[in-house]
Protein backbone atom coordinates (compact mmCIF):
# COMPACT_ATOMS: atom_id res chain seq x y z
CA UNK A 1 -157.97 -243.72 -90.60
CA UNK A 2 -157.87 -240.11 -89.60
CA UNK A 3 -154.86 -238.09 -89.05
CA UNK A 4 -154.84 -237.98 -85.59
CA UNK A 5 -155.29 -241.68 -85.06
CA UNK A 6 -152.60 -242.50 -87.73
CA UNK A 7 -150.23 -240.16 -85.99
CA UNK A 8 -151.11 -241.92 -82.59
CA UNK A 9 -150.41 -245.45 -84.19
CA UNK A 10 -147.11 -244.30 -85.52
CA UNK A 11 -146.01 -242.80 -82.17
CA UNK A 12 -146.70 -246.45 -80.69
CA UNK A 13 -144.58 -247.93 -83.39
CA UNK A 14 -141.73 -245.47 -82.49
CA UNK A 15 -142.06 -246.10 -78.84
CA UNK A 16 -142.19 -249.72 -79.14
CA UNK A 17 -138.90 -249.51 -81.29
CA UNK A 18 -137.16 -247.63 -78.65
CA UNK A 19 -135.82 -244.82 -80.74
CA UNK A 20 -134.31 -241.80 -78.87
CA UNK A 21 -135.28 -238.35 -79.20
CA UNK A 22 -133.85 -234.99 -78.45
CA UNK A 23 -133.26 -233.53 -82.01
CA UNK A 24 -136.35 -231.21 -81.92
CA UNK A 25 -138.77 -233.44 -80.21
CA UNK A 26 -138.73 -235.00 -76.77
CA UNK A 27 -141.44 -237.87 -77.01
CA UNK A 28 -142.85 -240.37 -79.63
CA UNK A 29 -146.11 -238.31 -80.33
CA UNK A 30 -144.41 -235.16 -81.27
CA UNK A 31 -141.85 -237.12 -83.41
CA UNK A 32 -144.71 -238.92 -85.05
CA UNK A 33 -146.68 -235.73 -85.96
CA UNK A 34 -143.53 -234.23 -87.22
CA UNK A 35 -142.76 -236.87 -89.57
CA UNK A 36 -146.14 -237.72 -90.72
CA UNK A 37 -147.28 -234.02 -91.38
CA UNK A 38 -143.86 -233.46 -93.32
CA UNK A 39 -144.38 -236.61 -95.31
CA UNK A 40 -147.86 -235.43 -96.33
CA UNK A 41 -146.67 -231.84 -97.12
CA UNK A 42 -148.63 -230.44 -94.44
CA UNK A 43 -147.60 -227.51 -92.36
CA UNK A 44 -146.29 -228.36 -88.71
CA UNK A 45 -149.09 -226.37 -87.05
CA UNK A 46 -151.94 -228.06 -89.15
CA UNK A 47 -152.64 -231.06 -86.86
CA UNK A 48 -155.37 -229.35 -84.82
CA UNK A 49 -157.28 -228.08 -87.74
CA UNK A 50 -156.63 -231.47 -89.78
CA UNK A 51 -157.00 -233.94 -87.05
CA UNK A 52 -160.11 -235.56 -88.33
CA UNK A 53 -159.27 -235.68 -91.95
CA UNK A 54 -159.51 -239.22 -93.39
CA UNK A 55 -156.14 -240.17 -94.89
CA UNK A 56 -156.06 -242.15 -98.18
CA UNK A 57 -154.12 -245.44 -98.32
CA UNK A 58 -151.55 -243.73 -100.57
CA UNK A 59 -151.09 -241.06 -97.87
CA UNK A 60 -150.81 -243.68 -95.11
CA UNK A 61 -148.39 -245.78 -96.83
CA UNK A 62 -146.08 -242.60 -97.73
CA UNK A 63 -145.96 -241.41 -94.12
CA UNK A 64 -145.63 -245.11 -92.73
CA UNK A 65 -142.54 -245.54 -95.06
CA UNK A 66 -140.92 -242.45 -93.42
CA UNK A 67 -141.59 -243.60 -90.03
CA UNK A 68 -140.02 -247.04 -90.99
CA UNK A 69 -136.98 -245.33 -92.21
CA UNK A 70 -136.72 -243.40 -88.97
CA UNK A 71 -136.83 -246.58 -87.00
CA UNK A 72 -134.55 -248.49 -89.07
CA UNK A 73 -131.86 -246.07 -89.85
CA UNK A 74 -131.89 -244.52 -86.29
CA UNK A 75 -131.16 -241.21 -87.99
CA UNK A 76 -132.47 -238.07 -86.38
CA UNK A 77 -135.80 -237.01 -88.02
CA UNK A 78 -134.06 -233.82 -89.13
CA UNK A 79 -131.75 -235.65 -91.28
CA UNK A 80 -134.66 -237.48 -93.07
CA UNK A 81 -136.47 -234.14 -93.63
CA UNK A 82 -133.40 -231.83 -93.96
CA UNK A 83 -135.35 -229.35 -91.67
CA UNK A 84 -135.06 -228.48 -88.09
CA UNK A 85 -136.77 -225.70 -86.37
CA UNK A 86 -135.21 -223.51 -83.43
CA UNK A 87 -137.26 -220.97 -81.65
CA UNK A 88 -139.76 -221.27 -84.37
CA UNK A 89 -137.18 -220.46 -87.22
CA UNK A 90 -136.62 -223.17 -89.86
CA UNK A 91 -133.06 -224.24 -90.75
CA UNK A 92 -131.70 -226.60 -93.36
CA UNK A 93 -129.80 -229.46 -91.91
CA UNK A 94 -127.87 -232.58 -92.95
CA UNK A 95 -125.26 -234.98 -91.83
CA UNK A 96 -122.57 -232.50 -91.91
CA UNK A 97 -123.86 -230.56 -88.99
CA UNK A 98 -125.38 -231.60 -85.61
CA UNK A 99 -129.23 -230.84 -85.38
CA UNK A 100 -129.65 -227.44 -83.92
CA UNK A 101 -130.92 -227.41 -80.20
CA UNK A 102 -128.84 -224.56 -78.49
CA UNK A 103 -130.48 -223.21 -75.37
CA UNK A 104 -128.72 -219.90 -76.24
CA UNK A 105 -131.41 -219.39 -78.85
CA UNK A 106 -133.83 -218.99 -76.09
CA UNK A 107 -131.82 -216.22 -74.33
CA UNK A 108 -131.85 -214.36 -77.70
CA UNK A 109 -135.48 -214.24 -78.24
CA UNK A 110 -138.20 -214.49 -75.62
CA UNK A 111 -141.95 -214.19 -75.54
CA UNK A 112 -142.12 -210.47 -75.43
CA UNK A 113 -139.62 -210.11 -78.53
CA UNK A 114 -136.61 -208.94 -76.30
CA UNK A 115 -133.56 -210.97 -75.51
CA UNK A 116 -132.97 -212.25 -72.03
CA UNK A 117 -129.31 -211.13 -72.83
CA UNK A 118 -130.63 -207.43 -72.98
CA UNK A 119 -129.40 -206.46 -69.51
CA UNK A 120 -125.80 -207.69 -70.19
CA UNK A 121 -125.42 -205.58 -73.53
CA UNK A 122 -125.56 -202.00 -74.25
CA UNK A 123 -126.59 -199.70 -76.93
CA UNK A 124 -123.13 -200.06 -78.36
CA UNK A 125 -123.27 -203.68 -79.11
CA UNK A 126 -122.71 -204.20 -82.76
CA UNK A 127 -120.20 -206.93 -83.36
CA UNK A 128 -121.18 -210.43 -82.48
CA UNK A 129 -119.41 -213.81 -83.08
CA UNK A 130 -121.18 -217.09 -83.23
CA UNK A 131 -118.35 -219.36 -82.41
CA UNK A 132 -118.64 -223.08 -83.44
CA UNK A 133 -121.63 -221.91 -85.55
CA UNK A 134 -122.37 -225.22 -87.06
CA UNK A 135 -125.39 -224.75 -89.42
CA UNK A 136 -125.43 -220.99 -88.51
CA UNK A 137 -128.78 -221.21 -86.43
CA UNK A 138 -127.41 -219.02 -83.65
CA UNK A 139 -126.05 -216.42 -85.98
CA UNK A 140 -129.43 -216.24 -87.87
CA UNK A 141 -131.39 -215.86 -84.68
CA UNK A 142 -129.23 -213.23 -83.25
CA UNK A 143 -129.23 -211.09 -86.50
CA UNK A 144 -133.09 -211.34 -86.26
CA UNK A 145 -133.36 -210.58 -82.70
CA UNK A 146 -130.97 -207.53 -82.96
CA UNK A 147 -131.38 -205.78 -86.35
CA UNK A 148 -128.52 -203.32 -85.57
CA UNK A 149 -125.62 -205.92 -85.35
CA UNK A 150 -123.37 -207.55 -87.72
CA UNK A 151 -122.35 -211.28 -87.05
CA UNK A 152 -119.40 -213.37 -87.83
CA UNK A 153 -120.31 -217.25 -87.98
CA UNK A 154 -117.11 -219.30 -87.60
CA UNK A 155 -116.27 -222.99 -87.52
CA UNK A 156 -113.40 -225.32 -88.29
CA UNK A 157 -115.48 -227.45 -90.48
CA UNK A 158 -115.82 -226.90 -94.18
CA UNK A 159 -118.81 -228.88 -94.38
CA UNK A 160 -120.51 -227.03 -91.33
CA UNK A 161 -119.75 -223.70 -93.03
CA UNK A 162 -121.06 -225.00 -96.38
CA UNK A 163 -124.47 -225.66 -94.49
CA UNK A 164 -124.29 -222.21 -92.57
CA UNK A 165 -124.12 -220.36 -95.87
CA UNK A 166 -127.34 -222.26 -97.07
CA UNK A 167 -129.11 -220.96 -93.82
CA UNK A 168 -127.75 -217.37 -94.21
CA UNK A 169 -128.94 -217.15 -97.74
CA UNK A 170 -132.12 -218.86 -96.82
CA UNK A 171 -132.94 -216.03 -94.38
CA UNK A 172 -131.38 -213.45 -96.74
CA UNK A 173 -128.94 -212.16 -94.16
CA UNK A 174 -125.77 -212.33 -96.08
CA UNK A 175 -125.27 -208.57 -95.70
CA UNK A 176 -124.98 -208.89 -92.17
CA UNK A 177 -123.75 -212.54 -91.29
CA UNK A 178 -120.23 -213.40 -92.65
CA UNK A 179 -119.27 -217.03 -92.58
CA UNK A 180 -115.67 -217.76 -92.03
CA UNK A 181 -113.14 -220.55 -91.11
CA UNK A 182 -111.41 -220.57 -87.81
CA UNK A 183 -109.97 -223.04 -85.47
CA UNK A 184 -111.80 -221.63 -82.45
CA UNK A 185 -110.53 -218.08 -82.06
CA UNK A 186 -107.33 -218.26 -83.93
CA UNK A 187 -108.48 -216.73 -87.20
CA UNK A 188 -111.53 -214.52 -86.30
CA UNK A 189 -111.68 -210.86 -86.63
CA UNK A 190 -112.39 -209.03 -83.16
CA UNK A 191 -112.88 -207.30 -81.10
CA UNK A 192 -116.46 -208.63 -80.51
CA UNK A 193 -119.09 -207.02 -78.12
CA UNK A 194 -120.72 -210.33 -77.55
CA UNK A 195 -119.63 -213.99 -78.35
CA UNK A 196 -122.16 -216.79 -78.44
CA UNK A 197 -120.72 -220.25 -78.41
CA UNK A 198 -122.17 -223.83 -78.33
CA UNK A 199 -118.75 -225.81 -78.58
CA UNK A 200 -118.15 -229.40 -78.51
CA UNK A 201 -118.43 -230.19 -74.65
CA UNK A 202 -119.54 -234.06 -74.06
CA UNK A 203 -117.25 -235.76 -71.90
CA UNK A 204 -115.62 -239.14 -73.01
CA UNK A 205 -117.71 -241.20 -70.80
CA UNK A 206 -120.88 -239.66 -72.07
CA UNK A 207 -119.61 -239.92 -75.60
CA UNK A 208 -119.40 -243.81 -75.16
CA UNK A 209 -123.06 -243.88 -73.99
CA UNK A 210 -124.66 -242.02 -76.67
CA UNK A 211 -127.65 -243.39 -78.21
CA UNK A 212 -127.37 -244.28 -82.14
CA UNK A 213 -129.27 -241.10 -83.28
CA UNK A 214 -126.70 -238.98 -81.89
CA UNK A 215 -123.88 -240.97 -83.26
CA UNK A 216 -124.97 -240.06 -86.56
CA UNK A 217 -124.09 -236.46 -85.75
CA UNK A 218 -120.44 -235.37 -86.63
CA UNK A 219 -118.17 -236.42 -83.69
CA UNK A 220 -116.21 -233.32 -84.19
CA UNK A 221 -119.16 -231.14 -83.20
CA UNK A 222 -119.73 -233.23 -79.93
CA UNK A 223 -116.65 -234.55 -78.33
CA UNK A 224 -114.96 -232.29 -75.62
CA UNK A 225 -112.38 -234.85 -74.23
CA UNK A 226 -111.99 -236.71 -70.91
CA UNK A 227 -113.88 -233.93 -68.99
CA UNK A 228 -115.57 -232.14 -71.82
CA UNK A 229 -113.62 -229.16 -71.20
CA UNK A 230 -110.76 -229.32 -73.90
CA UNK A 231 -112.10 -226.86 -76.28
CA UNK A 232 -113.53 -224.77 -73.50
CA UNK A 233 -110.03 -224.29 -71.97
CA UNK A 234 -108.75 -222.80 -75.14
CA UNK A 235 -111.83 -220.55 -75.65
CA UNK A 236 -111.60 -218.86 -72.26
CA UNK A 237 -107.94 -218.45 -72.53
CA UNK A 238 -108.07 -216.67 -75.80
CA UNK A 239 -111.40 -214.98 -75.71
CA UNK A 240 -110.33 -211.85 -74.11
CA UNK A 241 -108.28 -210.67 -76.81
CA UNK A 242 -111.07 -210.96 -79.20
CA UNK A 243 -113.49 -209.04 -76.80
CA UNK A 244 -114.25 -205.30 -76.69
CA UNK A 245 -113.92 -203.82 -73.07
CA UNK A 246 -117.63 -204.47 -72.08
CA UNK A 247 -117.81 -207.70 -74.09
CA UNK A 248 -119.50 -210.85 -72.67
CA UNK A 249 -119.29 -214.51 -73.73
CA UNK A 250 -122.37 -216.56 -73.56
CA UNK A 251 -121.17 -220.32 -73.28
CA UNK A 252 -123.14 -223.49 -73.46
CA UNK A 253 -121.73 -226.47 -71.50
CA UNK A 254 -124.80 -228.85 -71.46
CA UNK A 255 -124.79 -231.19 -68.45
CA UNK A 256 -121.11 -230.47 -67.74
CA UNK A 257 -121.50 -227.75 -64.88
CA UNK A 258 -119.60 -230.14 -62.24
CA UNK A 259 -116.62 -230.52 -64.79
CA UNK A 260 -116.73 -226.87 -65.59
CA UNK A 261 -116.75 -225.66 -62.11
CA UNK A 262 -113.89 -228.19 -61.33
CA UNK A 263 -111.90 -227.01 -64.14
CA UNK A 264 -112.26 -223.10 -63.55
CA UNK A 265 -112.81 -222.87 -59.80
CA UNK A 266 -111.74 -219.17 -59.57
CA UNK A 267 -113.66 -217.96 -62.68
CA UNK A 268 -116.71 -215.78 -61.87
CA UNK A 269 -119.61 -216.45 -64.20
CA UNK A 270 -123.36 -215.97 -64.16
CA UNK A 271 -125.59 -218.97 -64.82
CA UNK A 272 -128.49 -218.16 -67.16
CA UNK A 273 -131.86 -219.74 -66.77
CA UNK A 274 -133.22 -221.47 -69.70
CA UNK A 275 -135.95 -224.12 -70.13
CA UNK A 276 -133.37 -226.68 -69.16
CA UNK A 277 -132.70 -224.86 -65.89
CA UNK A 278 -129.77 -222.88 -64.71
CA UNK A 279 -127.13 -225.35 -65.15
CA UNK A 280 -126.41 -225.39 -69.06
CA UNK A 281 -125.60 -221.85 -70.22
CA UNK A 282 -123.35 -219.51 -68.59
CA UNK A 283 -122.23 -215.74 -69.15
CA UNK A 284 -118.68 -214.43 -68.31
CA UNK A 285 -117.46 -210.79 -68.97
CA UNK A 286 -114.19 -209.85 -70.53
CA UNK A 287 -113.15 -208.23 -66.94
CA UNK A 288 -113.76 -211.67 -65.16
CA UNK A 289 -111.89 -213.61 -67.81
CA UNK A 290 -108.78 -211.18 -67.49
CA UNK A 291 -108.94 -211.46 -63.86
CA UNK A 292 -108.93 -215.27 -63.94
CA UNK A 293 -106.18 -215.51 -66.49
CA UNK A 294 -103.99 -213.28 -64.12
CA UNK A 295 -104.85 -215.31 -61.10
């Protein structure tokens, strides 16, 4: 059987089994291609060139076993391969962190090599905080996108910080990225010119309805309380004290825009366009936060 035919057959298995996607792929074929190529030790971009290569019986058995593990365990593929990609950058992941998928990464790097956030930043932007860093992916991508900055990557989870350190070392950025433990903004060392934050924001009703794949991820990194805004309330309250005068906060809230706008009616924000639309990531200035807090 050729590689392309085998991947197509395994995609049918995934689809028939009803597995859920959203941890790096959005459909059965892409998930199958990822797992099969990884199992065979092939680069992820090798499919087109190798599509007609005949697979040996041993190769088929090896890849089929990984697909079976994906189906039976319902673990995200990234936990099986210990690798996830965000904006074409590879990251180590395991069950200690959620699989990186933040749309903020798109805003840091675009096709022309300049970030969508550039219009909001200045030539004085030097200190950046990646709050709720998880595996450190946004800190790494920010450091790659802006060679002149230094980044603090903070999280409350010791497990997550251990994984973040792996990725900082993996990309040889230890001189520019500091990994530190903090309960949200309580123990960080501002002021920062830019704060990036993809916090836990899933509301309780949505948490109860999550597919099994998402239930394998640390609950602490997902759950945001009844309306998803519990941690965000604290972040917005405390952020101005950790921001320089012209600083901005970029905040991801997923599908919770309605809850956000209900909770923070008087807060002036800018909604940023990503591949998911204009409802998932917002930007707020320090001045806007200060006005809101006084209202």
